[in-house]
């Protein structure tokens, strides 16, 4: 019998305040880069974390540079929301 693989999809929401803080601490943002990692955690509800970096073009860095400031975006935690399903498309 062939082994079959299983894919799991998650709908993740992140707090906007983390991105706003990153914008305030970075001069000349032209784009964001979001990398991800899977933290070691026994909680299935937090399987993926995003790390946000800002890429900047400004007089000090005309060729562009990534901000020294970054943020690990926490999964949005609203106890009033009980529907973990993604929106229908």
PDB file of N, CA and C in Angstrom:
ATOM      1  N   UNK A   1       0.842  -1.181   0.000  1.00  0.00           N
ATOM      2  CA  UNK A   1       0.000   0.000   0.000  1.00  0.00           C
ATOM      3  C   UNK A   1       0.885   1.243   0.000  1.00  0.00           C
ATOM      4  N   UNK A   2       0.522   2.202  -0.823  1.00  0.00           N
ATOM      5  CA  UNK A   2       1.288   3.435  -0.930  1.00  0.00           C
ATOM      6  C   UNK A   2       1.005   4.354   0.253  1.00  0.00           C
ATOM      7  N   UNK A   3       2.070   4.988   0.728  1.00  0.00           N
ATOM      8  CA  UNK A   3       1.891   5.958   1.815  1.00  0.00           C
ATOM      9  C   UNK A   3       1.397   7.272   1.219  1.00  0.00           C
ATOM     10  N   UNK A   4       0.333   7.808   1.775  1.00  0.00           N
ATOM     11  CA  UNK A   4      -0.179   9.086   1.272  1.00  0.00           C
ATOM     12  C   UNK A   4       0.217  10.215   2.215  1.00  0.00           C
ATOM     13  N   UNK A   5       0.402  11.388   1.648  1.00  0.00           N
ATOM     14  CA  UNK A   5       0.772  12.556   2.434  1.00  0.00           C
ATOM     15  C   UNK A   5      -0.473  13.364   2.744  1.00  0.00           C
ATOM     16  N   UNK A   6      -0.409  14.074   3.847  1.00  0.00           N
ATOM     17  CA  UNK A   6      -1.525  14.917   4.258  1.00  0.00           C
ATOM     18  C   UNK A   6      -1.064  16.358   4.329  1.00  0.00           C
ATOM     19  N   UNK A   7      -1.837  17.245   3.761  1.00  0.00           N
ATOM     20  CA  UNK A   7      -1.564  18.672   3.864  1.00  0.00           C
ATOM     21  C   UNK A   7      -2.555  19.281   4.839  1.00  0.00           C
ATOM     22  N   UNK A   8      -2.063  20.177   5.680  1.00  0.00           N
ATOM     23  CA  UNK A   8      -2.946  20.896   6.594  1.00  0.00           C
ATOM     24  C   UNK A   8      -2.846  22.371   6.261  1.00  0.00           C
ATOM     25  N   UNK A   9      -3.971  23.025   6.155  1.00  0.00           N
ATOM     26  CA  UNK A   9      -4.010  24.445   5.858  1.00  0.00           C
ATOM     27  C   UNK A   9      -4.495  25.195   7.085  1.00  0.00           C
ATOM     28  N   UNK A  10      -3.891  26.342   7.324  1.00  0.00           N
ATOM     29  CA  UNK A  10      -4.264  27.167   8.469  1.00  0.00           C
ATOM     30  C   UNK A  10      -4.559  28.576   7.987  1.00  0.00           C
ATOM     31  N   UNK A  11      -5.530  29.184   8.603  1.00  0.00           N
ATOM     32  CA  UNK A  11      -5.842  30.584   8.347  1.00  0.00           C
ATOM     33  C   UNK A  11      -5.248  31.360   9.499  1.00  0.00           C
ATOM     34  N   UNK A  12      -4.261  32.193   9.206  1.00  0.00           N
ATOM     35  CA  UNK A  12      -3.569  32.929  10.254  1.00  0.00           C
ATOM     36  C   UNK A  12      -3.880  34.408  10.148  1.00  0.00           C
ATOM     37  N   UNK A  13      -4.120  35.027  11.291  1.00  0.00           N
ATOM     38  CA  UNK A  13      -4.329  36.474  11.350  1.00  0.00           C
ATOM     39  C   UNK A  13      -3.236  37.046  12.229  1.00  0.00           C
ATOM     40  N   UNK A  14      -2.772  38.234  11.886  1.00  0.00           N
ATOM     41  CA  UNK A  14      -1.710  38.864  12.653  1.00  0.00           C
ATOM     42  C   UNK A  14      -2.100  40.277  13.036  1.00  0.00           C
ATOM     43  N   UNK A  15      -1.600  40.715  14.185  1.00  0.00           N
ATOM     44  CA  UNK A  15      -1.893  42.049  14.697  1.00  0.00           C
ATOM     45  C   UNK A  15      -1.260  43.116  13.806  1.00  0.00           C
ATOM     46  N   UNK A  16      -2.025  44.109  13.426  1.00  0.00           N
ATOM     47  CA  UNK A  16      -1.538  45.204  12.595  1.00  0.00           C
ATOM     48  C   UNK A  16      -0.540  46.066  13.363  1.00  0.00           C
ATOM     49  N   UNK A  17      -0.666  46.151  14.671  1.00  0.00           N
ATOM     50  CA  UNK A  17       0.211  47.014  15.473  1.00  0.00           C
ATOM     51  C   UNK A  17       1.682  46.635  15.316  1.00  0.00           C
ATOM     52  N   UNK A  18       1.987  45.372  15.107  1.00  0.00           N
ATOM     53  CA  UNK A  18       3.377  44.952  14.924  1.00  0.00           C
ATOM     54  C   UNK A  18       3.953  45.545  13.640  1.00  0.00           C
ATOM     55  N   UNK A  19       3.163  45.576  12.578  1.00  0.00           N
ATOM     56  CA  UNK A  19       3.614  46.160  11.316  1.00  0.00           C
ATOM     57  C   UNK A  19       3.733  47.671  11.447  1.00  0.00           C
ATOM     58  N   UNK A  20       2.792  48.304  12.139  1.00  0.00           N
ATOM     59  CA  UNK A  20       2.857  49.757  12.333  1.00  0.00           C
ATOM     60  C   UNK A  20       4.131  50.148  13.074  1.00  0.00           C
ATOM     61  N   UNK A  21       4.509  49.390  14.080  1.00  0.00           N
ATOM     62  CA  UNK A  21       5.733  49.683  14.835  1.00  0.00           C
ATOM     63  C   UNK A  21       6.962  49.531  13.944  1.00  0.00           C
ATOM     64  N   UNK A  22       6.967  48.521  13.107  1.00  0.00           N
ATOM     65  CA  UNK A  22       8.082  48.312  12.189  1.00  0.00           C
ATOM     66  C   UNK A  22       8.210  49.494  11.223  1.00  0.00           C
ATOM     67  N   UNK A  23       7.091  50.001  10.733  1.00  0.00           N
ATOM     68  CA  UNK A  23       7.104  51.155   9.823  1.00  0.00           C
ATOM     69  C   UNK A  23       7.668  52.383  10.525  1.00  0.00           C
ATOM     70  N   UNK A  24       7.265  52.608  11.764  1.00  0.00           N
ATOM     71  CA  UNK A  24       7.729  53.778  12.509  1.00  0.00           C
ATOM     72  C   UNK A  24       9.228  53.725  12.791  1.00  0.00           C
ATOM     73  N   UNK A  25       9.815  52.536  12.887  1.00  0.00           N
ATOM     74  CA  UNK A  25      11.232  52.388  13.203  1.00  0.00           C
ATOM     75  C   UNK A  25      12.123  52.261  11.972  1.00  0.00           C
ATOM     76  N   UNK A  26      11.554  52.410  10.796  1.00  0.00           N
ATOM     77  CA  UNK A  26      12.325  52.206   9.569  1.00  0.00           C
ATOM     78  C   UNK A  26      12.123  53.384   8.624  1.00  0.00           C
ATOM     79  N   UNK A  27      13.219  53.879   8.042  1.00  0.00           N
ATOM     80  CA  UNK A  27      13.180  55.044   7.163  1.00  0.00           C
ATOM     81  C   UNK A  27      13.240  54.619   5.700  1.00  0.00           C
ATOM     82  N   UNK A  28      12.240  55.010   4.913  1.00  0.00           N
ATOM     83  CA  UNK A  28      12.278  54.758   3.474  1.00  0.00           C
ATOM     84  C   UNK A  28      11.867  53.359   3.068  1.00  0.00           C
ATOM     85  N   UNK A  29      10.899  52.773   3.748  1.00  0.00           N
ATOM     86  CA  UNK A  29      10.468  51.413   3.415  1.00  0.00           C
ATOM     87  C   UNK A  29       9.904  51.378   1.997  1.00  0.00           C
ATOM     88  N   UNK A  30      10.387  50.435   1.195  1.00  0.00           N
ATOM     89  CA  UNK A  30       9.806  50.247  -0.131  1.00  0.00           C
ATOM     90  C   UNK A  30       9.113  48.897  -0.259  1.00  0.00           C
ATOM     91  N   UNK A  31       9.403  47.976   0.648  1.00  0.00           N
ATOM     92  CA  UNK A  31       8.710  46.687   0.622  1.00  0.00           C
ATOM     93  C   UNK A  31       8.926  45.946   1.936  1.00  0.00           C
ATOM     94  N   UNK A  32       8.112  44.928   2.138  1.00  0.00           N
ATOM     95  CA  UNK A  32       8.245  44.056   3.305  1.00  0.00           C
ATOM     96  C   UNK A  32       8.608  42.657   2.840  1.00  0.00           C
ATOM     97  N   UNK A  33       9.329  41.961   3.673  1.00  0.00           N
ATOM     98  CA  UNK A  33       9.646  40.559   3.437  1.00  0.00           C
ATOM     99  C   UNK A  33       9.122  39.793   4.637  1.00  0.00           C
ATOM    100  N   UNK A  34       8.373  38.750   4.367  1.00  0.00           N
ATOM    101  CA  UNK A  34       7.858  37.912   5.441  1.00  0.00           C
ATOM    102  C   UNK A  34       8.468  36.525   5.284  1.00  0.00           C
ATOM    103  N   UNK A  35       9.288  36.163   6.233  1.00  0.00           N
ATOM    104  CA  UNK A  35       9.793  34.792   6.255  1.00  0.00           C
ATOM    105  C   UNK A  35       9.012  34.069   7.344  1.00  0.00           C
ATOM    106  N   UNK A  36       9.182  32.794   7.441  1.00  0.00           N
ATOM    107  CA  UNK A  36       8.408  32.056   8.435  1.00  0.00           C
ATOM    108  C   UNK A  36       9.264  30.965   9.057  1.00  0.00           C
ATOM    109  N   UNK A  37       8.796  30.499  10.185  1.00  0.00           N
ATOM    110  CA  UNK A  37       9.419  29.342  10.808  1.00  0.00           C
ATOM    111  C   UNK A  37       8.373  28.610  11.622  1.00  0.00           C
ATOM    112  N   UNK A  38       8.663  27.386  11.941  1.00  0.00           N
ATOM    113  CA  UNK A  38       7.772  26.566  12.745  1.00  0.00           C
ATOM    114  C   UNK A  38       8.403  26.411  14.121  1.00  0.00           C
ATOM    115  N   UNK A  39       7.920  27.158  15.118  1.00  0.00           N
ATOM    116  CA  UNK A  39       8.522  27.060  16.443  1.00  0.00           C
ATOM    117  C   UNK A  39       8.220  25.704  17.071  1.00  0.00           C
ATOM    118  N   UNK A  40       9.107  25.274  17.937  1.00  0.00           N
ATOM    119  CA  UNK A  40       8.841  24.045  18.675  1.00  0.00           C
ATOM    120  C   UNK A  40       7.755  24.360  19.691  1.00  0.00           C
ATOM    121  N   UNK A  41       6.623  23.762  19.510  1.00  0.00           N
ATOM    122  CA  UNK A  41       5.506  24.027  20.398  1.00  0.00           C
ATOM    123  C   UNK A  41       4.574  22.828  20.389  1.00  0.00           C
ATOM    124  N   UNK A  42       4.110  22.421  21.553  1.00  0.00           N
ATOM    125  CA  UNK A  42       3.149  21.325  21.591  1.00  0.00           C
ATOM    126  C   UNK A  42       1.745  21.777  21.182  1.00  0.00           C
ATOM    127  N   UNK A  43       1.555  23.101  21.020  1.00  0.00           N
ATOM    128  CA  UNK A  43       0.231  23.627  20.687  1.00  0.00           C
ATOM    129  C   UNK A  43       0.027  23.615  19.178  1.00  0.00           C
ATOM    130  N   UNK A  44      -0.958  22.875  18.719  1.00  0.00           N
ATOM    131  CA  UNK A  44      -1.241  22.845  17.286  1.00  0.00           C
ATOM    132  C   UNK A  44      -1.810  24.159  16.799  1.00  0.00           C
ATOM    133  N   UNK A  45      -2.348  24.970  17.698  1.00  0.00           N
ATOM    134  CA  UNK A  45      -2.968  26.226  17.284  1.00  0.00           C
ATOM    135  C   UNK A  45      -1.937  27.281  16.904  1.00  0.00           C
ATOM    136  N   UNK A  46      -0.662  27.049  17.177  1.00  0.00           N
ATOM    137  CA  UNK A  46       0.385  28.014  16.825  1.00  0.00           C
ATOM    138  C   UNK A  46       1.485  27.317  16.026  1.00  0.00           C
ATOM    139  N   UNK A  47       1.134  26.800  14.838  1.00  0.00           N
ATOM    140  CA  UNK A  47       2.111  26.021  14.091  1.00  0.00           C
ATOM    141  C   UNK A  47       3.099  26.840  13.279  1.00  0.00           C
ATOM    142  N   UNK A  48       2.785  28.111  13.033  1.00  0.00           N
ATOM    143  CA  UNK A  48       3.596  28.890  12.114  1.00  0.00           C
ATOM    144  C   UNK A  48       3.726  30.308  12.641  1.00  0.00           C
ATOM    145  N   UNK A  49       4.917  30.859  12.588  1.00  0.00           N
ATOM    146  CA  UNK A  49       5.131  32.250  12.982  1.00  0.00           C
ATOM    147  C   UNK A  49       5.748  32.976  11.795  1.00  0.00           C
ATOM    148  N   UNK A  50       5.318  34.202  11.564  1.00  0.00           N
ATOM    149  CA  UNK A  50       5.895  35.019  10.504  1.00  0.00           C
ATOM    150  C   UNK A  50       6.878  36.005  11.104  1.00  0.00           C
ATOM    151  N   UNK A  51       7.943  36.265  10.369  1.00  0.00           N
ATOM    152  CA  UNK A  51       8.933  37.260  10.770  1.00  0.00           C
ATOM    153  C   UNK A  51       8.900  38.343   9.697  1.00  0.00           C
ATOM    154  N   UNK A  52       8.653  39.589  10.104  1.00  0.00           N
ATOM    155  CA  UNK A  52       8.530  40.694   9.153  1.00  0.00           C
ATOM    156  C   UNK A  52       9.798  41.537   9.154  1.00  0.00           C
ATOM    157  N   UNK A  53      10.359  41.742   7.982  1.00  0.00           N
ATOM    158  CA  UNK A  53      11.506  42.624   7.778  1.00  0.00           C
ATOM    159  C   UNK A  53      11.089  43.712   6.795  1.00  0.00           C
ATOM    160  N   UNK A  54      11.645  44.895   6.948  1.00  0.00           N
ATOM    161  CA  UNK A  54      11.393  45.977   5.993  1.00  0.00           C
ATOM    162  C   UNK A  54      12.630  46.162   5.123  1.00  0.00           C
ATOM    163  N   UNK A  55      12.413  46.337   3.827  1.00  0.00           N
ATOM    164  CA  UNK A  55      13.493  46.674   2.905  1.00  0.00           C
ATOM    165  C   UNK A  55      13.385  48.163   2.642  1.00  0.00           C
ATOM    166  N   UNK A  56      14.515  48.882   2.756  1.00  0.00           N
ATOM    167  CA  UNK A  56      14.484  50.335   2.669  1.00  0.00           C
ATOM    168  C   UNK A  56      15.429  50.849   1.599  1.00  0.00           C
ATOM    169  N   UNK A  57      14.985  51.880   0.924  1.00  0.00           N
ATOM    170  CA  UNK A  57      15.823  52.675   0.032  1.00  0.00           C
ATOM    171  C   UNK A  57      15.787  54.090   0.586  1.00  0.00           C
ATOM    172  N   UNK A  58      16.947  54.629   0.930  1.00  0.00           N
ATOM    173  CA  UNK A  58      17.013  55.999   1.439  1.00  0.00           C
ATOM    174  C   UNK A  58      18.399  56.559   1.127  1.00  0.00           C
ATOM    175  N   UNK A  59      18.624  57.864   1.367  1.00  0.00           N
ATOM    176  CA  UNK A  59      19.927  58.463   1.029  1.00  0.00           C
ATOM    177  C   UNK A  59      21.121  57.740   1.665  1.00  0.00           C
ATOM    178  N   UNK A  60      20.949  57.211   2.850  1.00  0.00           N
ATOM    179  CA  UNK A  60      22.047  56.499   3.512  1.00  0.00           C
ATOM    180  C   UNK A  60      22.314  55.141   2.867  1.00  0.00           C
ATOM    181  N   UNK A  61      21.302  54.571   2.230  1.00  0.00           N
ATOM    182  CA  UNK A  61      21.422  53.243   1.610  1.00  0.00           C
ATOM    183  C   UNK A  61      20.754  53.268   0.234  1.00  0.00           C
ATOM    184  N   UNK A  62      21.383  53.917  -0.760  1.00  0.00           N
ATOM    185  CA  UNK A  62      20.745  54.043  -2.081  1.00  0.00           C
ATOM    186  C   UNK A  62      20.564  52.709  -2.808  1.00  0.00           C
ATOM    187  N   UNK A  63      21.344  51.692  -2.452  1.00  0.00           N
ATOM    188  CA  UNK A  63      21.180  50.376  -3.078  1.00  0.00           C
ATOM    189  C   UNK A  63      20.192  49.499  -2.320  1.00  0.00           C
ATOM    190  N   UNK A  64      19.708  49.991  -1.197  1.00  0.00           N
ATOM    191  CA  UNK A  64      18.744  49.241  -0.400  1.00  0.00           C
ATOM    192  C   UNK A  64      19.403  48.448   0.713  1.00  0.00           C
ATOM    193  N   UNK A  65      18.683  48.312   1.797  1.00  0.00           N
ATOM    194  CA  UNK A  65      19.158  47.568   2.954  1.00  0.00           C
ATOM    195  C   UNK A  65      17.941  47.060   3.719  1.00  0.00           C
ATOM    196  N   UNK A  66      18.106  45.934   4.398  1.00  0.00           N
ATOM    197  CA  UNK A  66      17.030  45.433   5.251  1.00  0.00           C
ATOM    198  C   UNK A  66      17.159  46.068   6.625  1.00  0.00           C
ATOM    199  N   UNK A  67      16.045  46.422   7.201  1.00  0.00           N
ATOM    200  CA  UNK A  67      16.017  47.055   8.514  1.00  0.00           C
ATOM    201  C   UNK A  67      16.640  46.151   9.567  1.00  0.00           C
ATOM    202  N   UNK A  68      17.307  46.766  10.541  1.00  0.00           N
ATOM    203  CA  UNK A  68      17.817  46.008  11.684  1.00  0.00           C
ATOM    204  C   UNK A  68      16.675  45.631  12.614  1.00  0.00           C
ATOM    205  N   UNK A  69      15.559  46.333  12.481  1.00  0.00           N
ATOM    206  CA  UNK A  69      14.378  46.041  13.292  1.00  0.00           C
ATOM    207  C   UNK A  69      13.538  44.991  12.573  1.00  0.00           C
ATOM    208  N   UNK A  70      13.122  44.007  13.271  1.00  0.00           N
ATOM    209  CA  UNK A  70      12.213  43.006  12.722  1.00  0.00           C
ATOM    210  C   UNK A  70      11.259  42.609  13.825  1.00  0.00           C
ATOM    211  N   UNK A  71      10.216  41.948  13.466  1.00  0.00           N
ATOM    212  CA  UNK A  71       9.254  41.533  14.464  1.00  0.00           C
ATOM    213  C   UNK A  71       8.761  40.143  14.130  1.00  0.00           C
ATOM    214  N   UNK A  72       8.632  39.335  15.152  1.00  0.00           N
ATOM    215  CA  UNK A  72       7.980  38.042  15.002  1.00  0.00           C
ATOM    216  C   UNK A  72       6.504  38.315  15.236  1.00  0.00           C
ATOM    217  N   UNK A  73       5.704  38.118  14.217  1.00  0.00           N
ATOM    218  CA  UNK A  73       4.293  38.461  14.303  1.00  0.00           C
ATOM    219  C   UNK A  73       3.533  37.378  15.048  1.00  0.00           C
ATOM    220  N   UNK A  74       2.921  37.778  16.121  1.00  0.00           N
ATOM    221  CA  UNK A  74       2.145  36.835  16.927  1.00  0.00           C
ATOM    222  C   UNK A  74       0.822  36.535  16.241  1.00  0.00           C
ATOM    223  N   UNK A  75       0.373  35.325  16.404  1.00  0.00           N
ATOM    224  CA  UNK A  75      -0.918  34.949  15.853  1.00  0.00           C
ATOM    225  C   UNK A  75      -1.990  35.747  16.574  1.00  0.00           C
ATOM    226  N   UNK A  76      -2.920  36.299  15.804  1.00  0.00           N
ATOM    227  CA  UNK A  76      -4.016  37.097  16.344  1.00  0.00           C
ATOM    228  C   UNK A  76      -4.807  36.252  17.326  1.00  0.00           C
ATOM    229  N   UNK A  77      -5.021  36.776  18.508  1.00  0.00           N
ATOM    230  CA  UNK A  77      -5.705  36.006  19.541  1.00  0.00           C
ATOM    231  C   UNK A  77      -6.907  36.794  20.029  1.00  0.00           C
ATOM    232  N   UNK A  78      -8.056  36.525  19.453  1.00  0.00           N
ATOM    233  CA  UNK A  78      -9.285  37.184  19.859  1.00  0.00           C
ATOM    234  C   UNK A  78     -10.230  36.125  20.403  1.00  0.00           C
ATOM    235  N   UNK A  79     -10.405  36.085  21.731  1.00  0.00           N
ATOM    236  CA  UNK A  79     -11.257  35.039  22.312  1.00  0.00           C
ATOM    237  C   UNK A  79     -12.717  35.147  21.880  1.00  0.00           C
ATOM    238  N   UNK A  80     -13.125  36.302  21.339  1.00  0.00           N
ATOM    239  CA  UNK A  80     -14.509  36.448  20.897  1.00  0.00           C
ATOM    240  C   UNK A  80     -14.757  35.801  19.542  1.00  0.00           C
ATOM    241  N   UNK A  81     -13.699  35.504  18.820  1.00  0.00           N
ATOM    242  CA  UNK A  81     -13.853  34.832  17.533  1.00  0.00           C
ATOM    243  C   UNK A  81     -13.764  33.336  17.755  1.00  0.00           C
ATOM    244  N   UNK A  82     -14.819  32.651  17.394  1.00  0.00           N
ATOM    245  CA  UNK A  82     -14.830  31.207  17.627  1.00  0.00           C
ATOM    246  C   UNK A  82     -14.749  30.405  16.341  1.00  0.00           C
ATOM    247  N   UNK A  83     -14.786  31.063  15.198  1.00  0.00           N
ATOM    248  CA  UNK A  83     -14.764  30.350  13.933  1.00  0.00           C
ATOM    249  C   UNK A  83     -13.334  30.260  13.401  1.00  0.00           C
ATOM    250  N   UNK A  84     -12.693  29.100  13.521  1.00  0.00           N
ATOM    251  CA  UNK A  84     -11.313  28.966  13.036  1.00  0.00           C
ATOM    252  C   UNK A  84     -11.224  28.720  11.535  1.00  0.00           C
ATOM    253  N   UNK A  85     -12.362  28.629  10.855  1.00  0.00           N
ATOM    254  CA  UNK A  85     -12.350  28.314   9.432  1.00  0.00           C
ATOM    255  C   UNK A  85     -11.973  29.526   8.599  1.00  0.00           C
ATOM    256  N   UNK A  86     -11.289  29.302   7.489  1.00  0.00           N
ATOM    257  CA  UNK A  86     -10.968  30.423   6.602  1.00  0.00           C
ATOM    258  C   UNK A  86     -12.230  30.922   5.916  1.00  0.00           C
ATOM    259  N   UNK A  87     -12.189  32.155   5.427  1.00  0.00           N
ATOM    260  CA  UNK A  87     -13.371  32.677   4.736  1.00  0.00           C
ATOM    261  C   UNK A  87     -13.618  31.925   3.436  1.00  0.00           C
ATOM    262  N   UNK A  88     -14.870  31.796   3.078  1.00  0.00           N
ATOM    263  CA  UNK A  88     -15.224  31.112   1.833  1.00  0.00           C
ATOM    264  C   UNK A  88     -14.880  32.004   0.655  1.00  0.00           C
ATOM    265  N   UNK A  89     -14.362  31.399  -0.397  1.00  0.00           N
ATOM    266  CA  UNK A  89     -14.037  32.184  -1.592  1.00  0.00           C
ATOM    267  C   UNK A  89     -14.832  31.691  -2.773  1.00  0.00           C
TER     268      UNK A  89
END
